């Protein structure tokens, strides 16, 4: 459980995000079933992709901060700055 401590601490928040994403994917399915305009379907897909990317970015950031940086050994300022840069790169890539 130690390896997943950060996800357990944020479990409810993460589950709520996943449920919102599920709702967005269900909206895509409804739109396709109801033969909605392709522009509307594409907009729904874009929103779901954005939500999924946001979740991914959050989990990658937590992974870097809790697993790549060893908090028990107090990361150096240089390591912390490199981690911040990596997180920003990942976030900008996932936008």
PDB file of N, CA and C in Angstrom:
ATOM      1  N   UNK A   1       0.815  -1.214   0.000  1.00  0.00           N
ATOM      2  CA  UNK A   1       0.000   0.000   0.000  1.00  0.00           C
ATOM      3  C   UNK A   1       0.850   1.266   0.000  1.00  0.00           C
ATOM      4  N   UNK A   2       2.073   1.172   0.461  1.00  0.00           N
ATOM      5  CA  UNK A   2       2.945   2.340   0.518  1.00  0.00           C
ATOM      6  C   UNK A   2       3.110   2.972  -0.859  1.00  0.00           C
ATOM      7  N   UNK A   3       3.237   2.137  -1.893  1.00  0.00           N
ATOM      8  CA  UNK A   3       3.436   2.645  -3.238  1.00  0.00           C
ATOM      9  C   UNK A   3       2.242   3.437  -3.750  1.00  0.00           C
ATOM     10  N   UNK A   4       1.068   3.148  -3.246  1.00  0.00           N
ATOM     11  CA  UNK A   4      -0.144   3.801  -3.733  1.00  0.00           C
ATOM     12  C   UNK A   4      -0.687   4.828  -2.737  1.00  0.00           C
ATOM     13  N   UNK A   5       0.096   5.209  -1.752  1.00  0.00           N
ATOM     14  CA  UNK A   5      -0.387   6.092  -0.693  1.00  0.00           C
ATOM     15  C   UNK A   5      -0.994   7.379  -1.244  1.00  0.00           C
ATOM     16  N   UNK A   6      -0.371   7.959  -2.246  1.00  0.00           N
ATOM     17  CA  UNK A   6      -0.886   9.228  -2.769  1.00  0.00           C
ATOM     18  C   UNK A   6      -2.216   9.036  -3.492  1.00  0.00           C
ATOM     19  N   UNK A   7      -2.416   7.908  -4.180  1.00  0.00           N
ATOM     20  CA  UNK A   7      -3.700   7.701  -4.844  1.00  0.00           C
ATOM     21  C   UNK A   7      -4.774   7.336  -3.836  1.00  0.00           C
ATOM     22  N   UNK A   8      -4.403   6.652  -2.775  1.00  0.00           N
ATOM     23  CA  UNK A   8      -5.389   6.348  -1.728  1.00  0.00           C
ATOM     24  C   UNK A   8      -5.851   7.621  -1.039  1.00  0.00           C
ATOM     25  N   UNK A   9      -4.919   8.541  -0.809  1.00  0.00           N
ATOM     26  CA  UNK A   9      -5.252   9.803  -0.144  1.00  0.00           C
ATOM     27  C   UNK A   9      -6.201  10.624  -1.004  1.00  0.00           C
ATOM     28  N   UNK A  10      -6.046  10.545  -2.317  1.00  0.00           N
ATOM     29  CA  UNK A  10      -6.863  11.310  -3.254  1.00  0.00           C
ATOM     30  C   UNK A  10      -7.958  10.455  -3.890  1.00  0.00           C
ATOM     31  N   UNK A  11      -8.214   9.301  -3.324  1.00  0.00           N
ATOM     32  CA  UNK A  11      -9.104   8.315  -3.938  1.00  0.00           C
ATOM     33  C   UNK A  11     -10.471   8.885  -4.310  1.00  0.00           C
ATOM     34  N   UNK A  12     -11.142   9.533  -3.401  1.00  0.00           N
ATOM     35  CA  UNK A  12     -12.487  10.054  -3.684  1.00  0.00           C
ATOM     36  C   UNK A  12     -12.476  11.075  -4.808  1.00  0.00           C
ATOM     37  N   UNK A  13     -11.494  11.958  -4.786  1.00  0.00           N
ATOM     38  CA  UNK A  13     -11.388  12.974  -5.834  1.00  0.00           C
ATOM     39  C   UNK A  13     -11.146  12.319  -7.192  1.00  0.00           C
ATOM     40  N   UNK A  14     -10.263  11.329  -7.227  1.00  0.00           N
ATOM     41  CA  UNK A  14      -9.968  10.639  -8.480  1.00  0.00           C
ATOM     42  C   UNK A  14     -11.185   9.865  -8.981  1.00  0.00           C
ATOM     43  N   UNK A  15     -11.887   9.212  -8.083  1.00  0.00           N
ATOM     44  CA  UNK A  15     -13.082   8.455  -8.475  1.00  0.00           C
ATOM     45  C   UNK A  15     -14.144   9.390  -9.037  1.00  0.00           C
ATOM     46  N   UNK A  16     -14.320  10.560  -8.428  1.00  0.00           N
ATOM     47  CA  UNK A  16     -15.286  11.531  -8.960  1.00  0.00           C
ATOM     48  C   UNK A  16     -14.902  11.974 -10.368  1.00  0.00           C
ATOM     49  N   UNK A  17     -13.614  12.168 -10.603  1.00  0.00           N
ATOM     50  CA  UNK A  17     -13.168  12.551 -11.947  1.00  0.00           C
ATOM     51  C   UNK A  17     -13.452  11.444 -12.950  1.00  0.00           C
ATOM     52  N   UNK A  18     -13.196  10.202 -12.545  1.00  0.00           N
ATOM     53  CA  UNK A  18     -13.457   9.068 -13.435  1.00  0.00           C
ATOM     54  C   UNK A  18     -14.949   8.963 -13.730  1.00  0.00           C
ATOM     55  N   UNK A  19     -15.773   9.204 -12.745  1.00  0.00           N
ATOM     56  CA  UNK A  19     -17.225   9.149 -12.961  1.00  0.00           C
ATOM     57  C   UNK A  19     -17.685  10.240 -13.921  1.00  0.00           C
ATOM     58  N   UNK A  20     -17.080  11.421 -13.830  1.00  0.00           N
ATOM     59  CA  UNK A  20     -17.420  12.486 -14.776  1.00  0.00           C
ATOM     60  C   UNK A  20     -17.007  12.081 -16.191  1.00  0.00           C
ATOM     61  N   UNK A  21     -15.836  11.480 -16.299  1.00  0.00           N
ATOM     62  CA  UNK A  21     -15.374  11.012 -17.611  1.00  0.00           C
ATOM     63  C   UNK A  21     -16.324   9.945 -18.148  1.00  0.00           C
ATOM     64  N   UNK A  22     -16.749   9.030 -17.279  1.00  0.00           N
ATOM     65  CA  UNK A  22     -17.710   7.997 -17.706  1.00  0.00           C
ATOM     66  C   UNK A  22     -18.977   8.654 -18.232  1.00  0.00           C
ATOM     67  N   UNK A  23     -19.448   9.686 -17.547  1.00  0.00           N
ATOM     68  CA  UNK A  23     -20.633  10.408 -18.010  1.00  0.00           C
ATOM     69  C   UNK A  23     -20.414  11.049 -19.366  1.00  0.00           C
ATOM     70  N   UNK A  24     -19.213  11.565 -19.581  1.00  0.00           N
ATOM     71  CA  UNK A  24     -18.909  12.172 -20.885  1.00  0.00           C
ATOM     72  C   UNK A  24     -18.892  11.113 -21.989  1.00  0.00           C
ATOM     73  N   UNK A  25     -18.322   9.954 -21.685  1.00  0.00           N
ATOM     74  CA  UNK A  25     -18.279   8.876 -22.686  1.00  0.00           C
ATOM     75  C   UNK A  25     -19.701   8.373 -22.966  1.00  0.00           C
ATOM     76  N   UNK A  26     -20.529   8.283 -21.935  1.00  0.00           N
ATOM     77  CA  UNK A  26     -21.922   7.882 -22.146  1.00  0.00           C
ATOM     78  C   UNK A  26     -22.657   8.910 -22.995  1.00  0.00           C
ATOM     79  N   UNK A  27     -22.325  10.185 -22.829  1.00  0.00           N
ATOM     80  CA  UNK A  27     -22.937  11.230 -23.658  1.00  0.00           C
ATOM     81  C   UNK A  27     -22.535  11.055 -25.121  1.00  0.00           C
ATOM     82  N   UNK A  28     -21.305  10.631 -25.359  1.00  0.00           N
ATOM     83  CA  UNK A  28     -20.866  10.358 -26.736  1.00  0.00           C
ATOM     84  C   UNK A  28     -21.690   9.217 -27.310  1.00  0.00           C
ATOM     85  N   UNK A  29     -21.867   8.164 -26.527  1.00  0.00           N
ATOM     86  CA  UNK A  29     -22.656   7.019 -26.995  1.00  0.00           C
ATOM     87  C   UNK A  29     -24.093   7.433 -27.306  1.00  0.00           C
ATOM     88  N   UNK A  30     -24.691   8.237 -26.426  1.00  0.00           N
ATOM     89  CA  UNK A  30     -26.064   8.704 -26.670  1.00  0.00           C
ATOM     90  C   UNK A  30     -26.144   9.536 -27.938  1.00  0.00           C
ATOM     91  N   UNK A  31     -25.164  10.407 -28.117  1.00  0.00           N
ATOM     92  CA  UNK A  31     -25.161  11.270 -29.301  1.00  0.00           C
ATOM     93  C   UNK A  31     -25.067  10.434 -30.572  1.00  0.00           C
ATOM     94  N   UNK A  32     -24.250   9.395 -30.546  1.00  0.00           N
ATOM     95  CA  UNK A  32     -24.140   8.523 -31.717  1.00  0.00           C
ATOM     96  C   UNK A  32     -25.424   7.734 -31.939  1.00  0.00           C
ATOM     97  N   UNK A  33     -26.006   7.236 -30.854  1.00  0.00           N
ATOM     98  CA  UNK A  33     -27.252   6.477 -30.949  1.00  0.00           C
ATOM     99  C   UNK A  33     -28.369   7.349 -31.501  1.00  0.00           C
ATOM    100  N   UNK A  34     -28.391   8.594 -31.060  1.00  0.00           N
ATOM    101  CA  UNK A  34     -29.440   9.527 -31.491  1.00  0.00           C
ATOM    102  C   UNK A  34     -29.098  10.210 -32.816  1.00  0.00           C
ATOM    103  N   UNK A  35     -27.996   9.796 -33.416  1.00  0.00           N
ATOM    104  CA  UNK A  35     -27.558  10.329 -34.707  1.00  0.00           C
ATOM    105  C   UNK A  35     -27.431  11.852 -34.702  1.00  0.00           C
ATOM    106  N   UNK A  36     -26.787  12.363 -33.651  1.00  0.00           N
ATOM    107  CA  UNK A  36     -26.543  13.805 -33.541  1.00  0.00           C
ATOM    108  C   UNK A  36     -25.552  14.242 -34.614  1.00  0.00           C
ATOM    109  N   UNK A  37     -25.517  15.533 -34.831  1.00  0.00           N
ATOM    110  CA  UNK A  37     -24.600  16.121 -35.797  1.00  0.00           C
ATOM    111  C   UNK A  37     -23.157  15.751 -35.452  1.00  0.00           C
ATOM    112  N   UNK A  38     -22.343  15.460 -36.476  1.00  0.00           N
ATOM    113  CA  UNK A  38     -20.967  15.021 -36.225  1.00  0.00           C
ATOM    114  C   UNK A  38     -20.157  16.090 -35.480  1.00  0.00           C
ATOM    115  N   UNK A  39     -20.466  17.355 -35.704  1.00  0.00           N
ATOM    116  CA  UNK A  39     -19.788  18.424 -34.972  1.00  0.00           C
ATOM    117  C   UNK A  39     -20.039  18.333 -33.482  1.00  0.00           C
ATOM    118  N   UNK A  40     -21.271  18.020 -33.119  1.00  0.00           N
ATOM    119  CA  UNK A  40     -21.618  17.860 -31.698  1.00  0.00           C
ATOM    120  C   UNK A  40     -20.897  16.658 -31.093  1.00  0.00           C
ATOM    121  N   UNK A  41     -20.829  15.566 -31.854  1.00  0.00           N
ATOM    122  CA  UNK A  41     -20.146  14.362 -31.368  1.00  0.00           C
ATOM    123  C   UNK A  41     -18.653  14.654 -31.187  1.00  0.00           C
ATOM    124  N   UNK A  42     -18.076  15.334 -32.144  1.00  0.00           N
ATOM    125  CA  UNK A  42     -16.651  15.667 -32.037  1.00  0.00           C
ATOM    126  C   UNK A  42     -16.374  16.556 -30.831  1.00  0.00           C
ATOM    127  N   UNK A  43     -17.283  17.459 -30.557  1.00  0.00           N
ATOM    128  CA  UNK A  43     -17.125  18.337 -29.389  1.00  0.00           C
ATOM    129  C   UNK A  43     -17.179  17.516 -28.101  1.00  0.00           C
ATOM    130  N   UNK A  44     -18.089  16.552 -28.038  1.00  0.00           N
ATOM    131  CA  UNK A  44     -18.171  15.680 -26.858  1.00  0.00           C
ATOM    132  C   UNK A  44     -16.893  14.847 -26.697  1.00  0.00           C
ATOM    133  N   UNK A  45     -16.368  14.350 -27.809  1.00  0.00           N
ATOM    134  CA  UNK A  45     -15.134  13.562 -27.762  1.00  0.00           C
ATOM    135  C   UNK A  45     -13.972  14.430 -27.277  1.00  0.00           C
ATOM    136  N   UNK A  46     -13.908  15.645 -27.760  1.00  0.00           N
ATOM    137  CA  UNK A  46     -12.848  16.561 -27.354  1.00  0.00           C
ATOM    138  C   UNK A  46     -12.903  16.828 -25.852  1.00  0.00           C
ATOM    139  N   UNK A  47     -14.104  17.032 -25.340  1.00  0.00           N
ATOM    140  CA  UNK A  47     -14.260  17.276 -23.903  1.00  0.00           C
ATOM    141  C   UNK A  47     -13.829  16.053 -23.088  1.00  0.00           C
ATOM    142  N   UNK A  48     -14.214  14.873 -23.538  1.00  0.00           N
ATOM    143  CA  UNK A  48     -13.842  13.644 -22.823  1.00  0.00           C
ATOM    144  C   UNK A  48     -12.328  13.436 -22.879  1.00  0.00           C
ATOM    145  N   UNK A  49     -11.740  13.696 -24.028  1.00  0.00           N
ATOM    146  CA  UNK A  49     -10.287  13.557 -24.161  1.00  0.00           C
ATOM    147  C   UNK A  49      -9.567  14.537 -23.235  1.00  0.00           C
ATOM    148  N   UNK A  50     -10.064  15.756 -23.159  1.00  0.00           N
ATOM    149  CA  UNK A  50      -9.472  16.752 -22.260  1.00  0.00           C
ATOM    150  C   UNK A  50      -9.556  16.320 -20.809  1.00  0.00           C
ATOM    151  N   UNK A  51     -10.694  15.764 -20.431  1.00  0.00           N
ATOM    152  CA  UNK A  51     -10.859  15.288 -19.050  1.00  0.00           C
ATOM    153  C   UNK A  51      -9.919  14.127 -18.761  1.00  0.00           C
ATOM    154  N   UNK A  52      -9.789  13.221 -19.713  1.00  0.00           N
ATOM    155  CA  UNK A  52      -8.887  12.074 -19.540  1.00  0.00           C
ATOM    156  C   UNK A  52      -7.443  12.555 -19.456  1.00  0.00           C
ATOM    157  N   UNK A  53      -7.066  13.504 -20.313  1.00  0.00           N
ATOM    158  CA  UNK A  53      -5.703  14.034 -20.270  1.00  0.00           C
ATOM    159  C   UNK A  53      -5.419  14.748 -18.954  1.00  0.00           C
ATOM    160  N   UNK A  54      -6.414  15.452 -18.423  1.00  0.00           N
ATOM    161  CA  UNK A  54      -6.246  16.114 -17.133  1.00  0.00           C
ATOM    162  C   UNK A  54      -6.014  15.111 -16.017  1.00  0.00           C
ATOM    163  N   UNK A  55      -6.762  14.031 -16.043  1.00  0.00           N
ATOM    164  CA  UNK A  55      -6.570  12.971 -15.052  1.00  0.00           C
ATOM    165  C   UNK A  55      -5.184  12.358 -15.200  1.00  0.00           C
ATOM    166  N   UNK A  56      -4.778  12.093 -16.426  1.00  0.00           N
ATOM    167  CA  UNK A  56      -3.453  11.528 -16.684  1.00  0.00           C
ATOM    168  C   UNK A  56      -2.362  12.460 -16.165  1.00  0.00           C
ATOM    169  N   UNK A  57      -2.482  13.747 -16.442  1.00  0.00           N
ATOM    170  CA  UNK A  57      -1.472  14.711 -16.003  1.00  0.00           C
ATOM    171  C   UNK A  57      -1.374  14.732 -14.486  1.00  0.00           C
ATOM    172  N   UNK A  58      -2.505  14.694 -13.811  1.00  0.00           N
ATOM    173  CA  UNK A  58      -2.497  14.702 -12.351  1.00  0.00           C
ATOM    174  C   UNK A  58      -1.804  13.461 -11.793  1.00  0.00           C
ATOM    175  N   UNK A  59      -2.101  12.307 -12.361  1.00  0.00           N
ATOM    176  CA  UNK A  59      -1.486  11.070 -11.876  1.00  0.00           C
ATOM    177  C   UNK A  59       0.002  11.016 -12.207  1.00  0.00           C
ATOM    178  N   UNK A  60       0.393  11.513 -13.371  1.00  0.00           N
ATOM    179  CA  UNK A  60       1.823  11.550 -13.710  1.00  0.00           C
ATOM    180  C   UNK A  60       2.559  12.471 -12.739  1.00  0.00           C
ATOM    181  N   UNK A  61       1.968  13.625 -12.447  1.00  0.00           N
ATOM    182  CA  UNK A  61       2.602  14.551 -11.510  1.00  0.00           C
ATOM    183  C   UNK A  61       2.782  13.895 -10.137  1.00  0.00           C
ATOM    184  N   UNK A  62       1.745  13.258  -9.648  1.00  0.00           N
ATOM    185  CA  UNK A  62       1.855  12.572  -8.359  1.00  0.00           C
ATOM    186  C   UNK A  62       2.901  11.470  -8.413  1.00  0.00           C
ATOM    187  N   UNK A  63       2.946  10.759  -9.518  1.00  0.00           N
ATOM    188  CA  UNK A  63       3.929   9.688  -9.653  1.00  0.00           C
ATOM    189  C   UNK A  63       5.348  10.252  -9.578  1.00  0.00           C
ATOM    190  N   UNK A  64       5.589  11.349 -10.281  1.00  0.00           N
ATOM    191  CA  UNK A  64       6.915  11.965 -10.260  1.00  0.00           C
ATOM    192  C   UNK A  64       7.253  12.423  -8.849  1.00  0.00           C
ATOM    193  N   UNK A  65       6.316  13.082  -8.207  1.00  0.00           N
ATOM    194  CA  UNK A  65       6.598  13.643  -6.881  1.00  0.00           C
ATOM    195  C   UNK A  65       6.742  12.573  -5.794  1.00  0.00           C
ATOM    196  N   UNK A  66       6.023  11.457  -5.907  1.00  0.00           N
ATOM    197  CA  UNK A  66       6.044  10.457  -4.848  1.00  0.00           C
ATOM    198  C   UNK A  66       6.902   9.240  -5.143  1.00  0.00           C
ATOM    199  N   UNK A  67       7.211   8.996  -6.417  1.00  0.00           N
ATOM    200  CA  UNK A  67       7.970   7.794  -6.749  1.00  0.00           C
ATOM    201  C   UNK A  67       9.318   8.097  -7.397  1.00  0.00           C
ATOM    202  N   UNK A  68       9.362   9.090  -8.262  1.00  0.00           N
ATOM    203  CA  UNK A  68      10.622   9.424  -8.917  1.00  0.00           C
ATOM    204  C   UNK A  68      11.513  10.192  -7.944  1.00  0.00           C
ATOM    205  N   UNK A  69      10.950  11.208  -7.309  1.00  0.00           N
ATOM    206  CA  UNK A  69      11.672  11.910  -6.249  1.00  0.00           C
ATOM    207  C   UNK A  69      11.478  11.116  -4.967  1.00  0.00           C
ATOM    208  N   UNK A  70      12.523  10.850  -4.286  1.00  0.00           N
ATOM    209  CA  UNK A  70      12.437  10.098  -3.034  1.00  0.00           C
ATOM    210  C   UNK A  70      12.246  11.087  -1.895  1.00  0.00           C
ATOM    211  N   UNK A  71      10.994  11.283  -1.485  1.00  0.00           N
ATOM    212  CA  UNK A  71      10.702  12.281  -0.453  1.00  0.00           C
ATOM    213  C   UNK A  71      11.363  11.934   0.875  1.00  0.00           C
ATOM    214  N   UNK A  72      11.641  10.663   1.116  1.00  0.00           N
ATOM    215  CA  UNK A  72      12.297  10.253   2.361  1.00  0.00           C
ATOM    216  C   UNK A  72      13.742  10.756   2.408  1.00  0.00           C
ATOM    217  N   UNK A  73      14.322  10.997   1.220  1.00  0.00           N
ATOM    218  CA  UNK A  73      15.716  11.448   1.155  1.00  0.00           C
ATOM    219  C   UNK A  73      15.824  12.938   0.860  1.00  0.00           C
ATOM    220  N   UNK A  74      14.734  13.658   0.942  1.00  0.00           N
ATOM    221  CA  UNK A  74      14.688  15.107   0.708  1.00  0.00           C
ATOM    222  C   UNK A  74      15.401  15.486  -0.588  1.00  0.00           C
ATOM    223  N   UNK A  75      14.641  15.607  -1.685  1.00  0.00           N
ATOM    224  CA  UNK A  75      15.251  15.940  -2.982  1.00  0.00           C
ATOM    225  C   UNK A  75      15.988  17.275  -2.940  1.00  0.00           C
ATOM    226  N   UNK A  76      17.037  17.358  -3.733  1.00  0.00           N
ATOM    227  CA  UNK A  76      17.775  18.616  -3.833  1.00  0.00           C
ATOM    228  C   UNK A  76      16.920  19.634  -4.582  1.00  0.00           C
ATOM    229  N   UNK A  77      17.319  20.883  -4.492  1.00  0.00           N
ATOM    230  CA  UNK A  77      16.604  21.939  -5.210  1.00  0.00           C
ATOM    231  C   UNK A  77      16.655  21.672  -6.712  1.00  0.00           C
ATOM    232  N   UNK A  78      17.782  21.165  -7.183  1.00  0.00           N
ATOM    233  CA  UNK A  78      17.929  20.853  -8.609  1.00  0.00           C
ATOM    234  C   UNK A  78      16.980  19.728  -9.020  1.00  0.00           C
ATOM    235  N   UNK A  79      16.872  18.701  -8.204  1.00  0.00           N
ATOM    236  CA  UNK A  79      15.959  17.602  -8.500  1.00  0.00           C
ATOM    237  C   UNK A  79      14.509  18.082  -8.498  1.00  0.00           C
ATOM    238  N   UNK A  80      14.161  18.905  -7.531  1.00  0.00           N
ATOM    239  CA  UNK A  80      12.795  19.437  -7.448  1.00  0.00           C
ATOM    240  C   UNK A  80      12.479  20.293  -8.661  1.00  0.00           C
ATOM    241  N   UNK A  81      13.448  21.100  -9.104  1.00  0.00           N
ATOM    242  CA  UNK A  81      13.233  21.943 -10.279  1.00  0.00           C
ATOM    243  C   UNK A  81      13.090  21.078 -11.527  1.00  0.00           C
ATOM    244  N   UNK A  82      13.901  20.036 -11.650  1.00  0.00           N
ATOM    245  CA  UNK A  82      13.797  19.133 -12.794  1.00  0.00           C
ATOM    246  C   UNK A  82      12.436  18.440 -12.799  1.00  0.00           C
ATOM    247  N   UNK A  83      11.954  18.046 -11.629  1.00  0.00           N
ATOM    248  CA  UNK A  83      10.634  17.414 -11.528  1.00  0.00           C
ATOM    249  C   UNK A  83       9.549  18.389 -11.949  1.00  0.00           C
ATOM    250  N   UNK A  84       9.647  19.637 -11.507  1.00  0.00           N
ATOM    251  CA  UNK A  84       8.669  20.659 -11.900  1.00  0.00           C
ATOM    252  C   UNK A  84       8.669  20.856 -13.418  1.00  0.00           C
ATOM    253  N   UNK A  85       9.857  20.899 -14.009  1.00  0.00           N
ATOM    254  CA  UNK A  85       9.956  21.061 -15.459  1.00  0.00           C
ATOM    255  C   UNK A  85       9.321  19.878 -16.183  1.00  0.00           C
ATOM    256  N   UNK A  86       9.589  18.676 -15.704  1.00  0.00           N
ATOM    257  CA  UNK A  86       9.012  17.480 -16.315  1.00  0.00           C
ATOM    258  C   UNK A  86       7.488  17.512 -16.230  1.00  0.00           C
ATOM    259  N   UNK A  87       6.966  17.867 -15.079  1.00  0.00           N
ATOM    260  CA  UNK A  87       5.517  17.934 -14.901  1.00  0.00           C
ATOM    261  C   UNK A  87       4.923  18.964 -15.854  1.00  0.00           C
ATOM    262  N   UNK A  88       5.550  20.118 -16.001  1.00  0.00           N
ATOM    263  CA  UNK A  88       5.048  21.145 -16.918  1.00  0.00           C
ATOM    264  C   UNK A  88       5.075  20.667 -18.363  1.00  0.00           C
ATOM    265  N   UNK A  89       6.118  19.956 -18.738  1.00  0.00           N
ATOM    266  CA  UNK A  89       6.206  19.425 -20.104  1.00  0.00           C
ATOM    267  C   UNK A  89       5.074  18.435 -20.349  1.00  0.00           C
ATOM    268  N   UNK A  90       4.857  17.535 -19.400  1.00  0.00           N
ATOM    269  CA  UNK A  90       3.789  16.542 -19.545  1.00  0.00           C
ATOM    270  C   UNK A  90       2.439  17.237 -19.631  1.00  0.00           C
ATOM    271  N   UNK A  91       2.205  18.208 -18.750  1.00  0.00           N
ATOM    272  CA  UNK A  91       0.921  18.932 -18.769  1.00  0.00           C
ATOM    273  C   UNK A  91       0.709  19.652 -20.095  1.00  0.00           C
ATOM    274  N   UNK A  92       1.759  20.295 -20.615  1.00  0.00           N
ATOM    275  CA  UNK A  92       1.586  21.016 -21.885  1.00  0.00           C
ATOM    276  C   UNK A  92       1.372  20.028 -23.032  1.00  0.00           C
ATOM    277  N   UNK A  93       2.012  18.872 -22.974  1.00  0.00           N
ATOM    278  CA  UNK A  93       1.832  17.864 -24.006  1.00  0.00           C
ATOM    279  C   UNK A  93       0.405  17.331 -23.993  1.00  0.00           C
ATOM    280  N   UNK A  94      -0.169  17.169 -22.817  1.00  0.00           N
ATOM    281  CA  UNK A  94      -1.494  16.581 -22.702  1.00  0.00           C
ATOM    282  C   UNK A  94      -2.627  17.583 -22.921  1.00  0.00           C
ATOM    283  N   UNK A  95      -2.314  18.845 -23.142  1.00  0.00           N
ATOM    284  CA  UNK A  95      -3.363  19.845 -23.386  1.00  0.00           C
ATOM    285  C   UNK A  95      -4.007  19.625 -24.717  1.00  0.00           C
TER     286      UNK A  95
END
